[in-house]
PDB file of all heavy atoms in Angstrom:
ATOM      1  N   TYR A   1      -7.149   3.151  -9.560  1.00  0.00           N
ATOM      2  CA  TYR A   1      -5.886   3.790  -9.905  1.00  0.00           C
ATOM      3  C   TYR A   1      -5.372   3.164 -11.210  1.00  0.00           C
ATOM      4  O   TYR A   1      -4.646   2.164 -11.168  1.00  0.00           O
ATOM      5  CB  TYR A   1      -4.856   3.590  -8.802  1.00  0.00           C
ATOM      6  CG  TYR A   1      -5.200   4.249  -7.492  1.00  0.00           C
ATOM      7  CD1 TYR A   1      -5.643   3.498  -6.403  1.00  0.00           C
ATOM      8  CD2 TYR A   1      -5.065   5.622  -7.325  1.00  0.00           C
ATOM      9  CE1 TYR A   1      -5.947   4.102  -5.187  1.00  0.00           C
ATOM     10  CE2 TYR A   1      -5.358   6.233  -6.113  1.00  0.00           C
ATOM     11  CZ  TYR A   1      -5.801   5.463  -5.055  1.00  0.00           C
ATOM     12  OH  TYR A   1      -6.098   6.064  -3.859  1.00  0.00           O
ATOM     13  N   PRO A   2      -5.733   3.727 -12.377  1.00  0.00           N
ATOM     14  CA  PRO A   2      -5.336   3.096 -13.649  1.00  0.00           C
ATOM     15  C   PRO A   2      -3.831   2.958 -13.822  1.00  0.00           C
ATOM     16  O   PRO A   2      -3.375   2.051 -14.516  1.00  0.00           O
ATOM     17  CB  PRO A   2      -5.913   4.051 -14.704  1.00  0.00           C
ATOM     18  CG  PRO A   2      -6.951   4.846 -13.997  1.00  0.00           C
ATOM     19  CD  PRO A   2      -6.506   4.954 -12.576  1.00  0.00           C
ATOM     20  N   ASN A   3      -3.054   3.839 -13.195  1.00  0.00           N
ATOM     21  CA  ASN A   3      -1.598   3.815 -13.376  1.00  0.00           C
ATOM     22  C   ASN A   3      -0.871   3.101 -12.236  1.00  0.00           C
ATOM     23  O   ASN A   3       0.333   3.291 -12.063  1.00  0.00           O
ATOM     24  CB  ASN A   3      -1.076   5.251 -13.500  1.00  0.00           C
ATOM     25  CG  ASN A   3      -1.669   5.977 -14.694  1.00  0.00           C
ATOM     26  OD1 ASN A   3      -1.775   5.420 -15.776  1.00  0.00           O
ATOM     27  ND2 ASN A   3      -2.074   7.224 -14.495  1.00  0.00           N
ATOM     28  N   ASP A   4      -1.581   2.304 -11.458  1.00  0.00           N
ATOM     29  CA  ASP A   4      -0.936   1.573 -10.366  1.00  0.00           C
ATOM     30  C   ASP A   4       0.180   0.704 -10.931  1.00  0.00           C
ATOM     31  O   ASP A   4      -0.073  -0.160 -11.779  1.00  0.00           O
ATOM     32  CB  ASP A   4      -1.970   0.703  -9.642  1.00  0.00           C
ATOM     33  CG  ASP A   4      -1.440   0.106  -8.348  1.00  0.00           C
ATOM     34  OD1 ASP A   4      -0.334  -0.477  -8.375  1.00  0.00           O
ATOM     35  OD2 ASP A   4      -2.119   0.224  -7.311  1.00  0.00           O
ATOM     36  N   PRO A   5       1.423   0.912 -10.493  1.00  0.00           N
ATOM     37  CA  PRO A   5       2.555   0.176 -11.083  1.00  0.00           C
ATOM     38  C   PRO A   5       2.513  -1.332 -10.829  1.00  0.00           C
ATOM     39  O   PRO A   5       3.190  -2.094 -11.521  1.00  0.00           O
ATOM     40  CB  PRO A   5       3.777   0.820 -10.427  1.00  0.00           C
ATOM     41  CG  PRO A   5       3.264   1.475  -9.190  1.00  0.00           C
ATOM     42  CD  PRO A   5       1.856   1.890  -9.484  1.00  0.00           C
ATOM     43  N   THR A   6       1.734  -1.773  -9.847  1.00  0.00           N
ATOM     44  CA  THR A   6       1.644  -3.208  -9.577  1.00  0.00           C
ATOM     45  C   THR A   6       0.659  -3.900 -10.506  1.00  0.00           C
ATOM     46  O   THR A   6       0.603  -5.129 -10.544  1.00  0.00           O
ATOM     47  CB  THR A   6       1.211  -3.462  -8.124  1.00  0.00           C
ATOM     48  OG1 THR A   6      -0.146  -3.016  -7.948  1.00  0.00           O
ATOM     49  CG2 THR A   6       2.121  -2.728  -7.149  1.00  0.00           C
ATOM     50  N   GLY A   7      -0.148  -3.121 -11.230  1.00  0.00           N
ATOM     51  CA  GLY A   7      -1.181  -3.706 -12.075  1.00  0.00           C
ATOM     52  C   GLY A   7      -2.468  -3.987 -11.334  1.00  0.00           C
ATOM     53  O   GLY A   7      -3.467  -4.369 -11.936  1.00  0.00           O
ATOM     54  N   ARG A   8      -2.458  -3.788 -10.024  1.00  0.00           N
ATOM     55  CA  ARG A   8      -3.666  -4.005  -9.219  1.00  0.00           C
ATOM     56  C   ARG A   8      -4.342  -2.645  -9.013  1.00  0.00           C
ATOM     57  O   ARG A   8      -4.189  -2.015  -7.982  1.00  0.00           O
ATOM     58  CB  ARG A   8      -3.307  -4.674  -7.898  1.00  0.00           C
ATOM     59  CG  ARG A   8      -2.743  -6.085  -8.080  1.00  0.00           C
ATOM     60  CD  ARG A   8      -2.402  -6.740  -6.768  1.00  0.00           C
ATOM     61  NE  ARG A   8      -1.322  -6.046  -6.093  1.00  0.00           N
ATOM     62  CZ  ARG A   8      -0.947  -6.291  -4.836  1.00  0.00           C
ATOM     63  NH1 ARG A   8      -1.582  -7.194  -4.129  1.00  0.00           N
ATOM     64  NH2 ARG A   8       0.051  -5.633  -4.307  1.00  0.00           N
ATOM     65  N   ARG A   9      -5.085  -2.234  -9.982  1.00  0.00           N
ATOM     66  CA  ARG A   9      -5.607  -0.871 -10.014  1.00  0.00           C
ATOM     67  C   ARG A   9      -6.867  -0.668  -9.175  1.00  0.00           C
ATOM     68  O   ARG A   9      -7.198   0.459  -8.814  1.00  0.00           O
ATOM     69  CB  ARG A   9      -5.906  -0.462 -11.457  1.00  0.00           C
ATOM     70  CG  ARG A   9      -6.809  -1.434 -12.185  1.00  0.00           C
ATOM     71  CD  ARG A   9      -7.077  -1.005 -13.608  1.00  0.00           C
ATOM     72  NE  ARG A   9      -8.163  -0.032 -13.685  1.00  0.00           N
ATOM     73  CZ  ARG A   9      -8.766   0.295 -14.825  1.00  0.00           C
ATOM     74  NH1 ARG A   9      -8.350  -0.236 -15.960  1.00  0.00           N
ATOM     75  NH2 ARG A   9      -9.746   1.165 -14.818  1.00  0.00           N
ATOM     76  N   LEU A  10      -7.595  -1.734  -8.856  1.00  0.00           N
ATOM     77  CA  LEU A  10      -8.828  -1.613  -8.078  1.00  0.00           C
ATOM     78  C   LEU A  10      -8.528  -1.816  -6.595  1.00  0.00           C
ATOM     79  O   LEU A  10      -7.971  -2.837  -6.201  1.00  0.00           O
ATOM     80  CB  LEU A  10      -9.864  -2.635  -8.549  1.00  0.00           C
ATOM     81  CG  LEU A  10     -10.300  -2.539 -10.016  1.00  0.00           C
ATOM     82  CD1 LEU A  10     -11.289  -3.641 -10.352  1.00  0.00           C
ATOM     83  CD2 LEU A  10     -10.891  -1.167 -10.314  1.00  0.00           C
ATOM     84  N   HIS A  11      -8.894  -0.822  -5.782  1.00  0.00           N
ATOM     85  CA  HIS A  11      -8.615  -0.876  -4.357  1.00  0.00           C
ATOM     86  C   HIS A  11      -9.920  -0.856  -3.571  1.00  0.00           C
ATOM     87  O   HIS A  11     -10.815  -0.041  -3.849  1.00  0.00           O
ATOM     88  CB  HIS A  11      -7.759   0.320  -3.925  1.00  0.00           C
ATOM     89  CG  HIS A  11      -6.374   0.294  -4.478  1.00  0.00           C
ATOM     90  ND1 HIS A  11      -5.255   0.559  -3.702  1.00  0.00           N
ATOM     91  CD2 HIS A  11      -5.884   0.026  -5.714  1.00  0.00           C
ATOM     92  CE1 HIS A  11      -4.166   0.464  -4.440  1.00  0.00           C
ATOM     93  NE2 HIS A  11      -4.532   0.151  -5.671  1.00  0.00           N
ATOM     94  N   ALA A  12     -10.034  -1.747  -2.599  1.00  0.00           N
ATOM     95  CA  ALA A  12     -11.137  -1.732  -1.632  1.00  0.00           C
ATOM     96  C   ALA A  12     -10.589  -1.160  -0.333  1.00  0.00           C
ATOM     97  O   ALA A  12      -9.611  -1.671   0.213  1.00  0.00           O
ATOM     98  CB  ALA A  12     -11.693  -3.136  -1.413  1.00  0.00           C
ATOM     99  N   VAL A  13     -11.211  -0.097   0.158  1.00  0.00           N
ATOM    100  CA  VAL A  13     -10.693   0.645   1.310  1.00  0.00           C
ATOM    101  C   VAL A  13     -11.708   0.561   2.456  1.00  0.00           C
ATOM    102  O   VAL A  13     -12.850   1.002   2.310  1.00  0.00           O
ATOM    103  CB  VAL A  13     -10.419   2.111   0.947  1.00  0.00           C
ATOM    104  CG1 VAL A  13      -9.752   2.831   2.112  1.00  0.00           C
ATOM    105  CG2 VAL A  13      -9.545   2.206  -0.302  1.00  0.00           C
ATOM    106  N   TYR A  14     -11.265   0.004   3.590  1.00  0.00           N
ATOM    107  CA  TYR A  14     -12.126  -0.198   4.759  1.00  0.00           C
ATOM    108  C   TYR A  14     -11.786   0.831   5.828  1.00  0.00           C
ATOM    109  O   TYR A  14     -10.610   1.074   6.107  1.00  0.00           O
ATOM    110  CB  TYR A  14     -11.934  -1.610   5.331  1.00  0.00           C
ATOM    111  CG  TYR A  14     -12.261  -2.710   4.358  1.00  0.00           C
ATOM    112  CD1 TYR A  14     -11.351  -3.074   3.360  1.00  0.00           C
ATOM    113  CD2 TYR A  14     -13.470  -3.389   4.418  1.00  0.00           C
ATOM    114  CE1 TYR A  14     -11.640  -4.072   2.444  1.00  0.00           C
ATOM    115  CE2 TYR A  14     -13.769  -4.401   3.509  1.00  0.00           C
ATOM    116  CZ  TYR A  14     -12.850  -4.733   2.530  1.00  0.00           C
ATOM    117  OH  TYR A  14     -13.153  -5.728   1.626  1.00  0.00           O
ATOM    118  N   HIS A  15     -12.812   1.395   6.449  1.00  0.00           N
ATOM    119  CA  HIS A  15     -12.623   2.437   7.451  1.00  0.00           C
ATOM    120  C   HIS A  15     -13.101   1.907   8.807  1.00  0.00           C
ATOM    121  O   HIS A  15     -14.308   1.675   9.008  1.00  0.00           O
ATOM    122  CB  HIS A  15     -13.406   3.691   7.058  1.00  0.00           C
ATOM    123  CG  HIS A  15     -13.140   4.120   5.642  1.00  0.00           C
ATOM    124  ND1 HIS A  15     -12.062   4.900   5.298  1.00  0.00           N
ATOM    125  CD2 HIS A  15     -13.797   3.856   4.481  1.00  0.00           C
ATOM    126  CE1 HIS A  15     -12.070   5.112   3.995  1.00  0.00           C
ATOM    127  NE2 HIS A  15     -13.109   4.479   3.480  1.00  0.00           N
ATOM    128  N   LEU A  16     -12.159   1.700   9.719  1.00  0.00           N
ATOM    129  CA  LEU A  16     -12.457   1.093  11.014  1.00  0.00           C
ATOM    130  C   LEU A  16     -12.383   2.131  12.131  1.00  0.00           C
ATOM    131  O   LEU A  16     -11.581   3.074  12.071  1.00  0.00           O
ATOM    132  CB  LEU A  16     -11.477  -0.041  11.310  1.00  0.00           C
ATOM    133  CG  LEU A  16     -11.347  -1.148  10.263  1.00  0.00           C
ATOM    134  CD1 LEU A  16     -10.418  -2.241  10.762  1.00  0.00           C
ATOM    135  CD2 LEU A  16     -12.693  -1.720   9.893  1.00  0.00           C
ATOM    136  N   LEU A  17     -13.211   1.911  13.145  1.00  0.00           N
ATOM    137  CA  LEU A  17     -13.266   2.807  14.296  1.00  0.00           C
ATOM    138  C   LEU A  17     -13.239   1.993  15.586  1.00  0.00           C
ATOM    139  O   LEU A  17     -14.013   1.039  15.745  1.00  0.00           O
ATOM    140  CB  LEU A  17     -14.537   3.661  14.252  1.00  0.00           C
ATOM    141  CG  LEU A  17     -14.891   4.453  15.518  1.00  0.00           C
ATOM    142  CD1 LEU A  17     -13.842   5.529  15.799  1.00  0.00           C
ATOM    143  CD2 LEU A  17     -16.278   5.077  15.400  1.00  0.00           C
ATOM    144  N   SER A  18     -12.333   2.351  16.486  1.00  0.00           N
ATOM    145  CA  SER A  18     -12.333   1.787  17.834  1.00  0.00           C
ATOM    146  C   SER A  18     -13.013   2.782  18.766  1.00  0.00           C
ATOM    147  O   SER A  18     -12.461   3.851  19.052  1.00  0.00           O
ATOM    148  CB  SER A  18     -10.907   1.515  18.311  1.00  0.00           C
ATOM    149  OG  SER A  18     -10.900   1.199  19.697  1.00  0.00           O
ATOM    150  N   MET A  19     -14.206   2.428  19.205  1.00  0.00           N
ATOM    151  CA  MET A  19     -14.912   3.301  20.139  1.00  0.00           C
ATOM    152  C   MET A  19     -14.308   3.202  21.534  1.00  0.00           C
ATOM    153  O   MET A  19     -14.392   4.134  22.325  1.00  0.00           O
ATOM    154  CB  MET A  19     -16.407   2.951  20.163  1.00  0.00           C
ATOM    155  CG  MET A  19     -17.095   3.269  18.836  1.00  0.00           C
ATOM    156  SD  MET A  19     -18.831   2.790  18.787  1.00  0.00           S
ATOM    157  CE  MET A  19     -18.682   1.014  18.594  1.00  0.00           C
ATOM    158  N   THR A  20     -13.670   2.060  21.824  1.00  0.00           N
ATOM    159  CA  THR A  20     -13.022   1.876  23.117  1.00  0.00           C
ATOM    160  C   THR A  20     -11.842   2.823  23.278  1.00  0.00           C
ATOM    161  O   THR A  20     -11.689   3.494  24.306  1.00  0.00           O
ATOM    162  CB  THR A  20     -12.554   0.426  23.282  1.00  0.00           C
ATOM    163  OG1 THR A  20     -13.671  -0.446  23.205  1.00  0.00           O
ATOM    164  CG2 THR A  20     -11.842   0.236  24.618  1.00  0.00           C
ATOM    165  N   TYR A  21     -10.985   2.878  22.240  1.00  0.00           N
ATOM    166  CA  TYR A  21      -9.759   3.670  22.324  1.00  0.00           C
ATOM    167  C   TYR A  21      -9.821   4.983  21.527  1.00  0.00           C
ATOM    168  O   TYR A  21      -8.845   5.721  21.513  1.00  0.00           O
ATOM    169  CB  TYR A  21      -8.568   2.831  21.835  1.00  0.00           C
ATOM    170  CG  TYR A  21      -8.347   1.587  22.653  1.00  0.00           C
ATOM    171  CD1 TYR A  21      -8.579   0.324  22.112  1.00  0.00           C
ATOM    172  CD2 TYR A  21      -7.915   1.670  23.978  1.00  0.00           C
ATOM    173  CE1 TYR A  21      -8.379  -0.835  22.859  1.00  0.00           C
ATOM    174  CE2 TYR A  21      -7.713   0.517  24.730  1.00  0.00           C
ATOM    175  CZ  TYR A  21      -7.943  -0.723  24.165  1.00  0.00           C
ATOM    176  OH  TYR A  21      -7.737  -1.865  24.905  1.00  0.00           O
ATOM    177  N   ARG A  22     -10.953   5.215  20.864  1.00  0.00           N
ATOM    178  CA  ARG A  22     -11.142   6.436  20.070  1.00  0.00           C
ATOM    179  C   ARG A  22     -10.029   6.568  19.024  1.00  0.00           C
ATOM    180  O   ARG A  22      -9.329   7.573  18.949  1.00  0.00           O
ATOM    181  CB  ARG A  22     -11.213   7.671  20.972  1.00  0.00           C
ATOM    182  CG  ARG A  22     -12.334   7.607  21.981  1.00  0.00           C
ATOM    183  CD  ARG A  22     -12.361   8.817  22.875  1.00  0.00           C
ATOM    184  NE  ARG A  22     -12.680  10.032  22.123  1.00  0.00           N
ATOM    185  CZ  ARG A  22     -12.722  11.247  22.670  1.00  0.00           C
ATOM    186  NH1 ARG A  22     -12.442  11.402  23.951  1.00  0.00           N
ATOM    187  NH2 ARG A  22     -13.027  12.289  21.932  1.00  0.00           N
ATOM    188  N   ARG A  23      -9.927   5.546  18.207  1.00  0.00           N
ATOM    189  CA  ARG A  23      -8.913   5.498  17.157  1.00  0.00           C
ATOM    190  C   ARG A  23      -9.558   5.134  15.829  1.00  0.00           C
ATOM    191  O   ARG A  23     -10.558   4.411  15.784  1.00  0.00           O
ATOM    192  CB  ARG A  23      -7.840   4.455  17.491  1.00  0.00           C
ATOM    193  CG  ARG A  23      -7.046   4.750  18.746  1.00  0.00           C
ATOM    194  CD  ARG A  23      -6.173   3.572  19.119  1.00  0.00           C
ATOM    195  NE  ARG A  23      -5.296   3.877  20.252  1.00  0.00           N
ATOM    196  CZ  ARG A  23      -4.508   2.997  20.855  1.00  0.00           C
ATOM    197  NH1 ARG A  23      -4.491   1.738  20.413  1.00  0.00           N
ATOM    198  NH2 ARG A  23      -3.740   3.351  21.870  1.00  0.00           N
ATOM    199  N   ARG A  24      -8.971   5.618  14.745  1.00  0.00           N
ATOM    200  CA  ARG A  24      -9.434   5.287  13.398  1.00  0.00           C
ATOM    201  C   ARG A  24      -8.292   4.670  12.603  1.00  0.00           C
ATOM    202  O   ARG A  24      -7.154   5.107  12.695  1.00  0.00           O
ATOM    203  CB  ARG A  24      -9.965   6.534  12.675  1.00  0.00           C
ATOM    204  CG  ARG A  24     -11.238   7.084  13.302  1.00  0.00           C
ATOM    205  CD  ARG A  24     -11.783   8.258  12.506  1.00  0.00           C
ATOM    206  NE  ARG A  24     -12.969   8.818  13.137  1.00  0.00           N
ATOM    207  CZ  ARG A  24     -14.206   8.391  12.943  1.00  0.00           C
ATOM    208  NH1 ARG A  24     -14.414   7.384  12.093  1.00  0.00           N
ATOM    209  NH2 ARG A  24     -15.232   8.949  13.547  1.00  0.00           N
ATOM    210  N   LEU A  25      -8.645   3.661  11.814  1.00  0.00           N
ATOM    211  CA  LEU A  25      -7.661   2.903  11.055  1.00  0.00           C
ATOM    212  C   LEU A  25      -8.224   2.608   9.668  1.00  0.00           C
ATOM    213  O   LEU A  25      -9.423   2.369   9.516  1.00  0.00           O
ATOM    214  CB  LEU A  25      -7.346   1.587  11.787  1.00  0.00           C
ATOM    215  CG  LEU A  25      -6.519   0.531  11.066  1.00  0.00           C
ATOM    216  CD1 LEU A  25      -5.101   1.016  10.853  1.00  0.00           C
ATOM    217  CD2 LEU A  25      -6.527  -0.773  11.856  1.00  0.00           C
ATOM    218  N   ARG A  26      -7.347   2.624   8.676  1.00  0.00           N
ATOM    219  CA  ARG A  26      -7.754   2.312   7.304  1.00  0.00           C
ATOM    220  C   ARG A  26      -7.079   1.022   6.860  1.00  0.00           C
ATOM    221  O   ARG A  26      -5.881   0.846   7.047  1.00  0.00           O
ATOM    222  CB  ARG A  26      -7.372   3.459   6.373  1.00  0.00           C
ATOM    223  CG  ARG A  26      -7.853   3.278   4.926  1.00  0.00           C
ATOM    224  CD  ARG A  26      -7.366   4.401   4.025  1.00  0.00           C
ATOM    225  NE  ARG A  26      -7.894   5.688   4.432  1.00  0.00           N
ATOM    226  CZ  ARG A  26      -7.153   6.674   4.949  1.00  0.00           C
ATOM    227  NH1 ARG A  26      -5.844   6.511   5.117  1.00  0.00           N
ATOM    228  NH2 ARG A  26      -7.692   7.817   5.286  1.00  0.00           N
ATOM    229  N   ILE A  27      -7.874   0.122   6.251  1.00  0.00           N
ATOM    230  CA  ILE A  27      -7.365  -1.110   5.659  1.00  0.00           C
ATOM    231  C   ILE A  27      -7.581  -1.020   4.153  1.00  0.00           C
ATOM    232  O   ILE A  27      -8.658  -0.629   3.701  1.00  0.00           O
ATOM    233  CB  ILE A  27      -8.102  -2.349   6.212  1.00  0.00           C
ATOM    234  CG1 ILE A  27      -7.890  -2.479   7.729  1.00  0.00           C
ATOM    235  CG2 ILE A  27      -7.645  -3.616   5.484  1.00  0.00           C
ATOM    236  CD1 ILE A  27      -6.472  -2.794   8.128  1.00  0.00           C
ATOM    237  N   GLU A  28      -6.562  -1.379   3.382  1.00  0.00           N
ATOM    238  CA  GLU A  28      -6.675  -1.276   1.934  1.00  0.00           C
ATOM    239  C   GLU A  28      -6.225  -2.585   1.286  1.00  0.00           C
ATOM    240  O   GLU A  28      -5.194  -3.153   1.655  1.00  0.00           O
ATOM    241  CB  GLU A  28      -5.837  -0.100   1.429  1.00  0.00           C
ATOM    242  CG  GLU A  28      -6.138   0.314   0.008  1.00  0.00           C
ATOM    243  CD  GLU A  28      -5.710   1.744  -0.289  1.00  0.00           C
ATOM    244  OE1 GLU A  28      -5.599   2.553   0.653  1.00  0.00           O
ATOM    245  OE2 GLU A  28      -5.494   2.045  -1.485  1.00  0.00           O
ATOM    246  N   VAL A  29      -7.033  -3.050   0.325  1.00  0.00           N
ATOM    247  CA  VAL A  29      -6.739  -4.267  -0.433  1.00  0.00           C
ATOM    248  C   VAL A  29      -6.786  -3.912  -1.906  1.00  0.00           C
ATOM    249  O   VAL A  29      -7.712  -3.215  -2.350  1.00  0.00           O
ATOM    250  CB  VAL A  29      -7.761  -5.381  -0.130  1.00  0.00           C
ATOM    251  CG1 VAL A  29      -7.465  -6.620  -0.949  1.00  0.00           C
ATOM    252  CG2 VAL A  29      -7.772  -5.713   1.353  1.00  0.00           C
ATOM    253  N   SER A  30      -5.819  -4.379  -2.688  1.00  0.00           N
ATOM    254  CA  SER A  30      -5.781  -4.055  -4.112  1.00  0.00           C
ATOM    255  C   SER A  30      -5.826  -5.330  -4.948  1.00  0.00           C
ATOM    256  O   SER A  30      -5.220  -6.346  -4.590  1.00  0.00           O
ATOM    257  CB  SER A  30      -4.533  -3.238  -4.449  1.00  0.00           C
ATOM    258  OG  SER A  30      -3.359  -3.933  -4.092  1.00  0.00           O
ATOM    259  N   VAL A  31      -6.566  -5.250  -6.067  1.00  0.00           N
ATOM    260  CA  VAL A  31      -6.709  -6.384  -6.979  1.00  0.00           C
ATOM    261  C   VAL A  31      -6.668  -5.873  -8.413  1.00  0.00           C
ATOM    262  O   VAL A  31      -6.813  -4.673  -8.666  1.00  0.00           O
ATOM    263  CB  VAL A  31      -8.030  -7.153  -6.740  1.00  0.00           C
ATOM    264  CG1 VAL A  31      -8.029  -7.829  -5.388  1.00  0.00           C
ATOM    265  CG2 VAL A  31      -9.234  -6.223  -6.880  1.00  0.00           C
TER     266      VAL A  31
END
């Protein structure tokens, strides 16, 4: 995201799945 207002334009996005509860969650880290 070149225009990220925080200056942390590079994001690593993790996609998690709970097979027990059948849920999906996204984790995002920016640098």
